[in-house]
Amino acid sequence: MTHRPLRLSAAAVLLPLALTLTACGGDDEAASDAATPTSSASTAATPDDSASASDAADTGEAGEESGSPITADDVIALYSKAFEGATSAKLSMTGGISGQTFTATGAGDYAAGDPQLALSMDMGAAGLGSVDMRLVGKNIYMKFQGTNGKWVVFPLDDPTGPLASLGNVMEQFDPRSGLTSLKKAFIKGSYLGEDDVEGRSTKKYTFTVDTLKSIGDLPGMTPQVIKQLPKTTTQTVWIDDDGRLAKVVSGFEGQQVTVVYSDWGSKVDISAPPKSQITDVSSFAG
């Protein structure tokens, strides 16, 4: 077995999820910077047209009426509030990247340090069947058909590893990062009114960002890849009555992923597999 299917299965989850979480944040320095509106935000709305970022942080509402415009500061305030004191959540994903579709269920732990993830994926469309993945510390562990029941470990800090180029993507999984890129990439946004997500009442927002400014720093963004990207990317987010993320849809035509969050604060147990069940990628090189 070569490294290619291992890369494919990891990228199919890591990259679209990174796209979805690019805007998530609670970083103090970036949030402070958000107090000064950018030119792109000011073209989308004026202070008289929408609630201020501070009002949004207090109420969870960046627009009082459906269709009212929102600014980059409003979006940053929504995400900052959503992850303020956040610990853990269950999540489900559906989507596709590079023509390969997938579904996944699992959990995320954002309590401290690097975020941790545990996902069970159906990647039959990519020819990989069921895939289990865990992100713990600086390692990704994956188990799927062809690994003989073992977990293959990919150290993200290994510059010679097959997934080394994904190391920077891990920052995008941290809900406390990404505010700076959102600030410079934001083009326009609006509040879409109230909506229902799996029986939960939510408020729905959408915003558009400059794709290159949003994800241009991600690994693999070669001139050839950049040339194929659309100029803009749209993200739609649903915020529940507690100010938490309920749902996020992000991407562009052919490259879209939906993540539904639930049971914020529920107990999750995400840990590395037992050492006896772990092998390294060299066992499958060929």
C-alpha atoms as a PDB file:
ATOM      1  CA  MET A   1       0.000   0.000   0.000  1.00  0.00           C
ATOM      2  CA  THR A   2       1.295   3.447  -0.866  1.00  0.00           C
ATOM      3  CA  HIS A   3       0.765   6.642   1.095  1.00  0.00           C
ATOM      4  CA  ARG A   4      -1.801   7.970  -1.391  1.00  0.00           C
ATOM      5  CA  PRO A   5      -4.987   6.461   0.165  1.00  0.00           C
ATOM      6  CA  LEU A   6      -3.763   7.519   3.585  1.00  0.00           C
ATOM      7  CA  ARG A   7      -3.349  11.095   2.383  1.00  0.00           C
ATOM      8  CA  LEU A   8      -6.720  11.016   0.638  1.00  0.00           C
ATOM      9  CA  SER A   9      -8.649   9.819   3.676  1.00  0.00           C
ATOM     10  CA  ALA A  10      -6.978  12.374   5.950  1.00  0.00           C
ATOM     11  CA  ALA A  11      -7.345  15.299   3.552  1.00  0.00           C
ATOM     12  CA  ALA A  12     -10.986  14.478   2.842  1.00  0.00           C
ATOM     13  CA  VAL A  13     -11.779  15.219   6.467  1.00  0.00           C
ATOM     14  CA  LEU A  14      -9.069  17.599   7.627  1.00  0.00           C
ATOM     15  CA  LEU A  15      -9.199  20.143   4.826  1.00  0.00           C
ATOM     16  CA  PRO A  16     -12.981  20.668   4.570  1.00  0.00           C
ATOM     17  CA  LEU A  17     -13.293  20.765   8.336  1.00  0.00           C
ATOM     18  CA  ALA A  18     -10.524  23.331   8.424  1.00  0.00           C
ATOM     19  CA  LEU A  19     -12.464  25.397   5.891  1.00  0.00           C
ATOM     20  CA  THR A  20     -15.518  25.212   8.132  1.00  0.00           C
ATOM     21  CA  LEU A  21     -13.653  26.277  11.255  1.00  0.00           C
ATOM     22  CA  THR A  22     -11.456  28.951   9.679  1.00  0.00           C
ATOM     23  CA  ALA A  23     -13.633  31.695  11.161  1.00  0.00           C
ATOM     24  CA  CYS A  24     -14.066  30.180  14.611  1.00  0.00           C
ATOM     25  CA  GLY A  25     -12.226  32.115  17.255  1.00  0.00           C
ATOM     26  CA  GLY A  26     -11.850  33.614  20.664  1.00  0.00           C
ATOM     27  CA  ASP A  27      -8.282  34.836  20.496  1.00  0.00           C
ATOM     28  CA  ASP A  28      -7.949  37.933  22.657  1.00  0.00           C
ATOM     29  CA  GLU A  29      -5.477  39.771  20.422  1.00  0.00           C
ATOM     30  CA  ALA A  30      -7.501  39.219  17.267  1.00  0.00           C
ATOM     31  CA  ALA A  31     -10.738  40.100  19.030  1.00  0.00           C
ATOM     32  CA  SER A  32      -9.166  43.345  20.189  1.00  0.00           C
ATOM     33  CA  ASP A  33      -8.082  44.113  16.625  1.00  0.00           C
ATOM     34  CA  ALA A  34     -11.673  43.575  15.524  1.00  0.00           C
ATOM     35  CA  ALA A  35     -12.665  46.793  17.251  1.00  0.00           C
ATOM     36  CA  THR A  36     -11.396  48.718  14.225  1.00  0.00           C
ATOM     37  CA  PRO A  37     -13.665  48.088  11.211  1.00  0.00           C
ATOM     38  CA  THR A  38     -12.039  47.176   7.897  1.00  0.00           C
ATOM     39  CA  SER A  39     -12.911  48.785   4.605  1.00  0.00           C
ATOM     40  CA  SER A  40     -14.595  45.596   3.350  1.00  0.00           C
ATOM     41  CA  ALA A  41     -16.768  45.438   6.451  1.00  0.00           C
ATOM     42  CA  SER A  42     -17.766  49.074   6.137  1.00  0.00           C
ATOM     43  CA  THR A  43     -18.933  48.520   2.577  1.00  0.00           C
ATOM     44  CA  ALA A  44     -21.202  45.739   3.762  1.00  0.00           C
ATOM     45  CA  ALA A  45     -22.856  47.790   6.491  1.00  0.00           C
ATOM     46  CA  THR A  46     -22.605  51.062   8.371  1.00  0.00           C
ATOM     47  CA  PRO A  47     -22.909  51.417  12.157  1.00  0.00           C
ATOM     48  CA  ASP A  48     -26.489  52.621  11.667  1.00  0.00           C
ATOM     49  CA  ASP A  49     -27.456  49.578   9.627  1.00  0.00           C
ATOM     50  CA  SER A  50     -26.516  46.785  12.025  1.00  0.00           C
ATOM     51  CA  ALA A  51     -25.822  46.041  15.669  1.00  0.00           C
ATOM     52  CA  SER A  52     -22.311  46.775  16.860  1.00  0.00           C
ATOM     53  CA  ALA A  53     -19.872  43.991  17.613  1.00  0.00           C
ATOM     54  CA  SER A  54     -20.255  44.625  21.353  1.00  0.00           C
ATOM     55  CA  ASP A  55     -24.043  44.400  21.101  1.00  0.00           C
ATOM     56  CA  ALA A  56     -23.670  41.142  19.182  1.00  0.00           C
ATOM     57  CA  ALA A  57     -21.425  39.738  21.888  1.00  0.00           C
ATOM     58  CA  ASP A  58     -23.986  40.638  24.568  1.00  0.00           C
ATOM     59  CA  THR A  59     -27.128  39.465  22.771  1.00  0.00           C
ATOM     60  CA  GLY A  60     -25.916  36.937  20.221  1.00  0.00           C
ATOM     61  CA  GLU A  61     -27.721  38.928  17.546  1.00  0.00           C
ATOM     62  CA  ALA A  62     -25.820  40.708  14.807  1.00  0.00           C
ATOM     63  CA  GLY A  63     -28.966  41.820  12.992  1.00  0.00           C
ATOM     64  CA  GLU A  64     -32.364  42.750  14.385  1.00  0.00           C
ATOM     65  CA  GLU A  65     -34.381  41.964  11.281  1.00  0.00           C
ATOM     66  CA  SER A  66     -34.076  39.291   8.639  1.00  0.00           C
ATOM     67  CA  GLY A  67     -32.008  40.618   5.776  1.00  0.00           C
ATOM     68  CA  SER A  68     -30.172  43.246   7.818  1.00  0.00           C
ATOM     69  CA  PRO A  69     -26.443  43.485   7.041  1.00  0.00           C
ATOM     70  CA  ILE A  70     -23.694  42.379   9.412  1.00  0.00           C
ATOM     71  CA  THR A  71     -20.016  43.308   9.570  1.00  0.00           C
ATOM     72  CA  ALA A  72     -16.822  41.323  10.072  1.00  0.00           C
ATOM     73  CA  ASP A  73     -16.828  42.488  13.687  1.00  0.00           C
ATOM     74  CA  ASP A  74     -20.333  41.083  14.143  1.00  0.00           C
ATOM     75  CA  VAL A  75     -19.270  37.674  12.851  1.00  0.00           C
ATOM     76  CA  ILE A  76     -16.160  37.663  15.028  1.00  0.00           C
ATOM     77  CA  ALA A  77     -18.295  38.539  18.059  1.00  0.00           C
ATOM     78  CA  LEU A  78     -20.707  35.697  17.282  1.00  0.00           C
ATOM     79  CA  TYR A  79     -17.913  33.137  17.053  1.00  0.00           C
ATOM     80  CA  SER A  80     -16.104  34.504  20.096  1.00  0.00           C
ATOM     81  CA  LYS A  81     -19.270  34.157  22.181  1.00  0.00           C
ATOM     82  CA  ALA A  82     -19.980  30.722  20.719  1.00  0.00           C
ATOM     83  CA  PHE A  83     -16.652  29.343  21.976  1.00  0.00           C
ATOM     84  CA  GLU A  84     -16.390  31.377  25.166  1.00  0.00           C
ATOM     85  CA  GLY A  85     -15.910  28.757  27.849  1.00  0.00           C
ATOM     86  CA  ALA A  86     -16.618  25.984  25.346  1.00  0.00           C
ATOM     87  CA  THR A  87     -15.429  22.553  26.424  1.00  0.00           C
ATOM     88  CA  SER A  88     -16.718  19.765  24.204  1.00  0.00           C
ATOM     89  CA  ALA A  89     -19.429  18.928  21.698  1.00  0.00           C
ATOM     90  CA  LYS A  90     -20.698  16.122  19.535  1.00  0.00           C
ATOM     91  CA  LEU A  91     -20.644  16.702  15.812  1.00  0.00           C
ATOM     92  CA  SER A  92     -21.796  15.214  12.533  1.00  0.00           C
ATOM     93  CA  MET A  93     -20.478  16.058   9.093  1.00  0.00           C
ATOM     94  CA  THR A  94     -21.530  15.612   5.499  1.00  0.00           C
ATOM     95  CA  GLY A  95     -19.787  16.943   2.459  1.00  0.00           C
ATOM     96  CA  GLY A  96     -17.336  16.441  -0.331  1.00  0.00           C
ATOM     97  CA  ILE A  97     -13.991  17.577  -1.631  1.00  0.00           C
ATOM     98  CA  SER A  98     -12.406  16.924  -5.020  1.00  0.00           C
ATOM     99  CA  GLY A  99     -15.422  14.910  -6.080  1.00  0.00           C
ATOM    100  CA  GLN A 100     -15.267  12.550  -3.075  1.00  0.00           C
ATOM    101  CA  THR A 101     -18.235  12.577  -0.692  1.00  0.00           C
ATOM    102  CA  PHE A 102     -18.178  11.505   2.941  1.00  0.00           C
ATOM    103  CA  THR A 103     -20.187  11.478   6.154  1.00  0.00           C
ATOM    104  CA  ALA A 104     -18.807  11.490   9.681  1.00  0.00           C
ATOM    105  CA  THR A 105     -19.895  11.521  13.302  1.00  0.00           C
ATOM    106  CA  GLY A 106     -17.821  12.131  16.382  1.00  0.00           C
ATOM    107  CA  ALA A 107     -16.831  14.617  19.047  1.00  0.00           C
ATOM    108  CA  GLY A 108     -14.482  17.499  19.665  1.00  0.00           C
ATOM    109  CA  ASP A 109     -12.804  18.664  22.849  1.00  0.00           C
ATOM    110  CA  TYR A 110     -11.751  22.332  22.957  1.00  0.00           C
ATOM    111  CA  ALA A 111     -11.212  22.674  26.706  1.00  0.00           C
ATOM    112  CA  ALA A 112      -7.493  23.416  26.715  1.00  0.00           C
ATOM    113  CA  GLY A 113      -4.447  23.393  24.497  1.00  0.00           C
ATOM    114  CA  ASP A 114      -4.742  21.886  21.038  1.00  0.00           C
ATOM    115  CA  PRO A 115      -8.244  20.740  20.099  1.00  0.00           C
ATOM    116  CA  GLN A 116      -8.838  16.997  20.056  1.00  0.00           C
ATOM    117  CA  LEU A 117     -11.145  15.185  17.642  1.00  0.00           C
ATOM    118  CA  ALA A 118     -12.541  11.682  17.266  1.00  0.00           C
ATOM    119  CA  LEU A 119     -14.393  10.880  14.045  1.00  0.00           C
ATOM    120  CA  SER A 120     -15.937   7.800  12.452  1.00  0.00           C
ATOM    121  CA  MET A 121     -16.286   8.303   8.714  1.00  0.00           C
ATOM    122  CA  ASP A 122     -18.020   6.622   5.819  1.00  0.00           C
ATOM    123  CA  MET A 123     -15.734   7.125   2.842  1.00  0.00           C
ATOM    124  CA  GLY A 124     -17.122   4.456   0.537  1.00  0.00           C
ATOM    125  CA  ALA A 125     -17.233   6.949  -2.337  1.00  0.00           C
ATOM    126  CA  ALA A 126     -13.459   7.270  -2.078  1.00  0.00           C
ATOM    127  CA  GLY A 127     -13.018   3.496  -2.026  1.00  0.00           C
ATOM    128  CA  LEU A 128     -11.867   3.512   1.598  1.00  0.00           C
ATOM    129  CA  GLY A 129     -14.990   2.214   3.328  1.00  0.00           C
ATOM    130  CA  SER A 130     -15.229   3.029   7.023  1.00  0.00           C
ATOM    131  CA  VAL A 131     -12.448   5.162   8.491  1.00  0.00           C
ATOM    132  CA  ASP A 132     -11.793   5.983  12.143  1.00  0.00           C
ATOM    133  CA  MET A 133      -9.689   9.026  12.915  1.00  0.00           C
ATOM    134  CA  ARG A 134      -8.409  10.614  16.098  1.00  0.00           C
ATOM    135  CA  LEU A 135      -6.527  13.857  16.455  1.00  0.00           C
ATOM    136  CA  VAL A 136      -4.677  13.895  19.781  1.00  0.00           C
ATOM    137  CA  GLY A 137      -1.895  16.370  20.424  1.00  0.00           C
ATOM    138  CA  LYS A 138       0.314  16.572  17.343  1.00  0.00           C
ATOM    139  CA  ASN A 139      -0.643  13.141  16.037  1.00  0.00           C
ATOM    140  CA  ILE A 140      -3.347  11.869  13.726  1.00  0.00           C
ATOM    141  CA  TYR A 141      -4.357   8.227  14.160  1.00  0.00           C
ATOM    142  CA  MET A 142      -6.281   6.478  11.389  1.00  0.00           C
ATOM    143  CA  LYS A 143      -7.725   2.988  10.991  1.00  0.00           C
ATOM    144  CA  PHE A 144      -9.447   1.658   7.873  1.00  0.00           C
ATOM    145  CA  GLN A 145      -9.476  -1.279   5.489  1.00  0.00           C
ATOM    146  CA  GLY A 146      -5.969  -2.356   4.679  1.00  0.00           C
ATOM    147  CA  THR A 147      -4.441  -1.464   8.042  1.00  0.00           C
ATOM    148  CA  ASN A 148      -5.209  -4.925   9.463  1.00  0.00           C
ATOM    149  CA  GLY A 149      -7.099  -3.516  12.425  1.00  0.00           C
ATOM    150  CA  LYS A 150      -4.165  -1.342  13.456  1.00  0.00           C
ATOM    151  CA  TRP A 151      -4.126   2.436  13.972  1.00  0.00           C
ATOM    152  CA  VAL A 152      -1.593   4.181  11.739  1.00  0.00           C
ATOM    153  CA  VAL A 153       0.017   7.162  13.460  1.00  0.00           C
ATOM    154  CA  PHE A 154       0.998  10.302  11.543  1.00  0.00           C
ATOM    155  CA  PRO A 155       3.159  12.690  13.584  1.00  0.00           C
ATOM    156  CA  LEU A 156       2.285  16.133  12.257  1.00  0.00           C
ATOM    157  CA  ASP A 157       5.564  17.580  13.469  1.00  0.00           C
ATOM    158  CA  ASP A 158       7.574  15.105  11.374  1.00  0.00           C
ATOM    159  CA  PRO A 159       8.836  17.110   8.371  1.00  0.00           C
ATOM    160  CA  THR A 160       9.363  13.879   6.401  1.00  0.00           C
ATOM    161  CA  GLY A 161       5.948  12.354   7.117  1.00  0.00           C
ATOM    162  CA  PRO A 162       3.317  11.892   4.380  1.00  0.00           C
ATOM    163  CA  LEU A 163       0.939  14.284   6.164  1.00  0.00           C
ATOM    164  CA  ALA A 164       3.554  16.792   7.310  1.00  0.00           C
ATOM    165  CA  SER A 165       2.069  19.411   5.009  1.00  0.00           C
ATOM    166  CA  LEU A 166      -1.177  19.238   6.994  1.00  0.00           C
ATOM    167  CA  GLY A 167       0.529  20.392  10.187  1.00  0.00           C
ATOM    168  CA  ASN A 168      -0.482  24.026   9.748  1.00  0.00           C
ATOM    169  CA  VAL A 169      -4.074  22.959   9.183  1.00  0.00           C
ATOM    170  CA  MET A 170      -4.283  21.922  12.837  1.00  0.00           C
ATOM    171  CA  GLU A 171      -4.370  25.575  13.789  1.00  0.00           C
ATOM    172  CA  GLN A 172      -7.634  25.854  11.890  1.00  0.00           C
ATOM    173  CA  PHE A 173      -9.256  23.279  14.188  1.00  0.00           C
ATOM    174  CA  ASP A 174      -8.671  25.544  17.166  1.00  0.00           C
ATOM    175  CA  PRO A 175     -11.769  27.698  17.725  1.00  0.00           C
ATOM    176  CA  ARG A 176      -9.497  30.295  19.332  1.00  0.00           C
ATOM    177  CA  SER A 177      -7.646  30.997  16.103  1.00  0.00           C
ATOM    178  CA  GLY A 178      -8.557  32.205  12.647  1.00  0.00           C
ATOM    179  CA  LEU A 179      -9.980  35.617  13.490  1.00  0.00           C
ATOM    180  CA  THR A 180      -7.244  37.482  11.684  1.00  0.00           C
ATOM    181  CA  SER A 181      -7.872  35.726   8.380  1.00  0.00           C
ATOM    182  CA  LEU A 182     -11.614  36.329   8.703  1.00  0.00           C
ATOM    183  CA  LYS A 183     -11.035  39.998   9.358  1.00  0.00           C
ATOM    184  CA  LYS A 184      -9.022  40.523   6.196  1.00  0.00           C
ATOM    185  CA  ALA A 185     -11.101  38.137   4.057  1.00  0.00           C
ATOM    186  CA  PHE A 186     -14.619  39.377   4.932  1.00  0.00           C
ATOM    187  CA  ILE A 187     -16.628  40.904   2.073  1.00  0.00           C
ATOM    188  CA  LYS A 188     -20.270  41.059   3.150  1.00  0.00           C
ATOM    189  CA  GLY A 189     -22.835  39.347   5.345  1.00  0.00           C
ATOM    190  CA  SER A 190     -26.426  39.377   6.549  1.00  0.00           C
ATOM    191  CA  TYR A 191     -28.732  38.086   9.262  1.00  0.00           C
ATOM    192  CA  LEU A 192     -31.293  35.660   7.803  1.00  0.00           C
ATOM    193  CA  GLY A 193     -33.730  35.399  10.695  1.00  0.00           C
ATOM    194  CA  GLU A 194     -34.802  32.544  12.944  1.00  0.00           C
ATOM    195  CA  ASP A 195     -34.550  28.904  11.896  1.00  0.00           C
ATOM    196  CA  ASP A 196     -34.768  25.366  13.272  1.00  0.00           C
ATOM    197  CA  VAL A 197     -31.850  22.921  13.511  1.00  0.00           C
ATOM    198  CA  GLU A 198     -32.873  19.447  14.596  1.00  0.00           C
ATOM    199  CA  GLY A 199     -35.560  20.836  16.879  1.00  0.00           C
ATOM    200  CA  ARG A 200     -33.428  23.629  18.299  1.00  0.00           C
ATOM    201  CA  SER A 201     -34.399  27.244  17.726  1.00  0.00           C
ATOM    202  CA  THR A 202     -31.534  29.184  16.172  1.00  0.00           C
ATOM    203  CA  LYS A 203     -30.604  32.439  14.493  1.00  0.00           C
ATOM    204  CA  LYS A 204     -29.146  32.132  11.011  1.00  0.00           C
ATOM    205  CA  TYR A 205     -26.376  34.261   9.510  1.00  0.00           C
ATOM    206  CA  THR A 206     -24.469  34.135   6.249  1.00  0.00           C
ATOM    207  CA  PHE A 207     -21.325  35.861   5.082  1.00  0.00           C
ATOM    208  CA  THR A 208     -19.012  35.870   2.095  1.00  0.00           C
ATOM    209  CA  VAL A 209     -15.228  35.955   2.219  1.00  0.00           C
ATOM    210  CA  ASP A 210     -12.392  36.299  -0.261  1.00  0.00           C
ATOM    211  CA  THR A 211     -11.358  32.667  -0.785  1.00  0.00           C
ATOM    212  CA  LEU A 212      -7.666  33.282  -1.265  1.00  0.00           C
ATOM    213  CA  LYS A 213      -7.409  35.577   1.755  1.00  0.00           C
ATOM    214  CA  SER A 214      -9.321  33.010   3.795  1.00  0.00           C
ATOM    215  CA  ILE A 215      -7.455  29.800   2.919  1.00  0.00           C
ATOM    216  CA  GLY A 216      -4.486  30.914   0.843  1.00  0.00           C
ATOM    217  CA  ASP A 217      -2.076  30.069   3.656  1.00  0.00           C
ATOM    218  CA  LEU A 218      -3.240  26.453   3.908  1.00  0.00           C
ATOM    219  CA  PRO A 219      -0.842  23.734   2.737  1.00  0.00           C
ATOM    220  CA  GLY A 220      -1.174  22.673  -0.878  1.00  0.00           C
ATOM    221  CA  MET A 221      -2.222  26.095  -2.139  1.00  0.00           C
ATOM    222  CA  THR A 222      -0.018  25.932  -5.233  1.00  0.00           C
ATOM    223  CA  PRO A 223      -0.482  28.415  -8.099  1.00  0.00           C
ATOM    224  CA  GLN A 224      -2.302  25.671 -10.016  1.00  0.00           C
ATOM    225  CA  VAL A 225      -4.721  25.053  -7.143  1.00  0.00           C
ATOM    226  CA  ILE A 226      -5.253  28.765  -6.507  1.00  0.00           C
ATOM    227  CA  LYS A 227      -6.104  29.297 -10.176  1.00  0.00           C
ATOM    228  CA  GLN A 228      -9.006  26.844  -9.838  1.00  0.00           C
ATOM    229  CA  LEU A 229     -10.475  28.417  -6.705  1.00  0.00           C
ATOM    230  CA  PRO A 230     -13.558  30.626  -6.940  1.00  0.00           C
ATOM    231  CA  LYS A 231     -13.026  34.222  -5.927  1.00  0.00           C
ATOM    232  CA  THR A 232     -15.424  34.014  -2.983  1.00  0.00           C
ATOM    233  CA  THR A 233     -16.580  31.449  -0.436  1.00  0.00           C
ATOM    234  CA  THR A 234     -19.827  31.540   1.526  1.00  0.00           C
ATOM    235  CA  GLN A 235     -20.345  30.377   5.095  1.00  0.00           C
ATOM    236  CA  THR A 236     -23.735  30.061   6.748  1.00  0.00           C
ATOM    237  CA  VAL A 237     -23.930  29.633  10.507  1.00  0.00           C
ATOM    238  CA  TRP A 238     -26.771  28.835  12.889  1.00  0.00           C
ATOM    239  CA  ILE A 239     -26.448  30.026  16.525  1.00  0.00           C
ATOM    240  CA  ASP A 240     -28.665  28.486  19.215  1.00  0.00           C
ATOM    241  CA  ASP A 241     -30.412  30.271  22.082  1.00  0.00           C
ATOM    242  CA  ASP A 242     -27.351  29.771  24.306  1.00  0.00           C
ATOM    243  CA  GLY A 243     -25.101  31.483  21.771  1.00  0.00           C
ATOM    244  CA  ARG A 244     -23.436  28.191  20.763  1.00  0.00           C
ATOM    245  CA  LEU A 245     -22.791  26.924  17.262  1.00  0.00           C
ATOM    246  CA  ALA A 246     -25.589  24.635  16.094  1.00  0.00           C
ATOM    247  CA  LYS A 247     -24.675  24.243  12.424  1.00  0.00           C
ATOM    248  CA  VAL A 248     -22.161  25.523   9.890  1.00  0.00           C
ATOM    249  CA  VAL A 249     -22.246  25.149   6.108  1.00  0.00           C
ATOM    250  CA  SER A 250     -19.090  26.286   4.343  1.00  0.00           C
ATOM    251  CA  GLY A 251     -17.461  26.068   0.953  1.00  0.00           C
ATOM    252  CA  PHE A 252     -18.243  26.588  -2.682  1.00  0.00           C
ATOM    253  CA  GLU A 253     -19.600  24.575  -5.575  1.00  0.00           C
ATOM    254  CA  GLY A 254     -18.230  21.040  -5.446  1.00  0.00           C
ATOM    255  CA  GLN A 255     -16.295  21.702  -2.229  1.00  0.00           C
ATOM    256  CA  GLN A 256     -18.865  22.040   0.532  1.00  0.00           C
ATOM    257  CA  VAL A 257     -19.154  20.616   4.016  1.00  0.00           C
ATOM    258  CA  THR A 258     -21.868  20.777   6.664  1.00  0.00           C
ATOM    259  CA  VAL A 259     -21.093  20.368  10.371  1.00  0.00           C
ATOM    260  CA  VAL A 260     -23.853  20.044  12.978  1.00  0.00           C
ATOM    261  CA  TYR A 261     -22.854  20.616  16.614  1.00  0.00           C
ATOM    262  CA  SER A 262     -24.876  19.273  19.546  1.00  0.00           C
ATOM    263  CA  ASP A 263     -24.665  18.470  23.258  1.00  0.00           C
ATOM    264  CA  TRP A 264     -22.227  21.246  24.115  1.00  0.00           C
ATOM    265  CA  GLY A 265     -20.562  20.472  27.436  1.00  0.00           C
ATOM    266  CA  SER A 266     -21.274  16.750  27.259  1.00  0.00           C
ATOM    267  CA  LYS A 267     -18.614  14.387  28.536  1.00  0.00           C
ATOM    268  CA  VAL A 268     -16.345  13.051  25.796  1.00  0.00           C
ATOM    269  CA  ASP A 269     -13.371  10.727  26.033  1.00  0.00           C
ATOM    270  CA  ILE A 270     -10.822  11.340  23.286  1.00  0.00           C
ATOM    271  CA  SER A 271      -7.455   9.677  23.699  1.00  0.00           C
ATOM    272  CA  ALA A 272      -4.731   8.017  21.665  1.00  0.00           C
ATOM    273  CA  PRO A 273      -5.248   4.312  20.907  1.00  0.00           C
ATOM    274  CA  PRO A 274      -3.350   1.787  23.068  1.00  0.00           C
ATOM    275  CA  LYS A 275       0.290   1.433  22.015  1.00  0.00           C
ATOM    276  CA  SER A 276      -0.256  -2.240  21.182  1.00  0.00           C
ATOM    277  CA  GLN A 277      -2.745  -1.183  18.496  1.00  0.00           C
ATOM    278  CA  ILE A 278      -0.556   1.499  16.871  1.00  0.00           C
ATOM    279  CA  THR A 279       1.805   1.124  13.937  1.00  0.00           C
ATOM    280  CA  ASP A 280       3.643   3.690  11.825  1.00  0.00           C
ATOM    281  CA  VAL A 281       3.073   4.526   8.195  1.00  0.00           C
ATOM    282  CA  SER A 282       6.302   2.817   7.065  1.00  0.00           C
ATOM    283  CA  SER A 283       4.535  -0.514   7.571  1.00  0.00           C
ATOM    284  CA  PHE A 284       2.280   0.341   4.638  1.00  0.00           C
ATOM    285  CA  ALA A 285       4.743   1.979   2.281  1.00  0.00           C
ATOM    286  CA  GLY A 286       5.295   0.306  -1.001  1.00  0.00           C
END
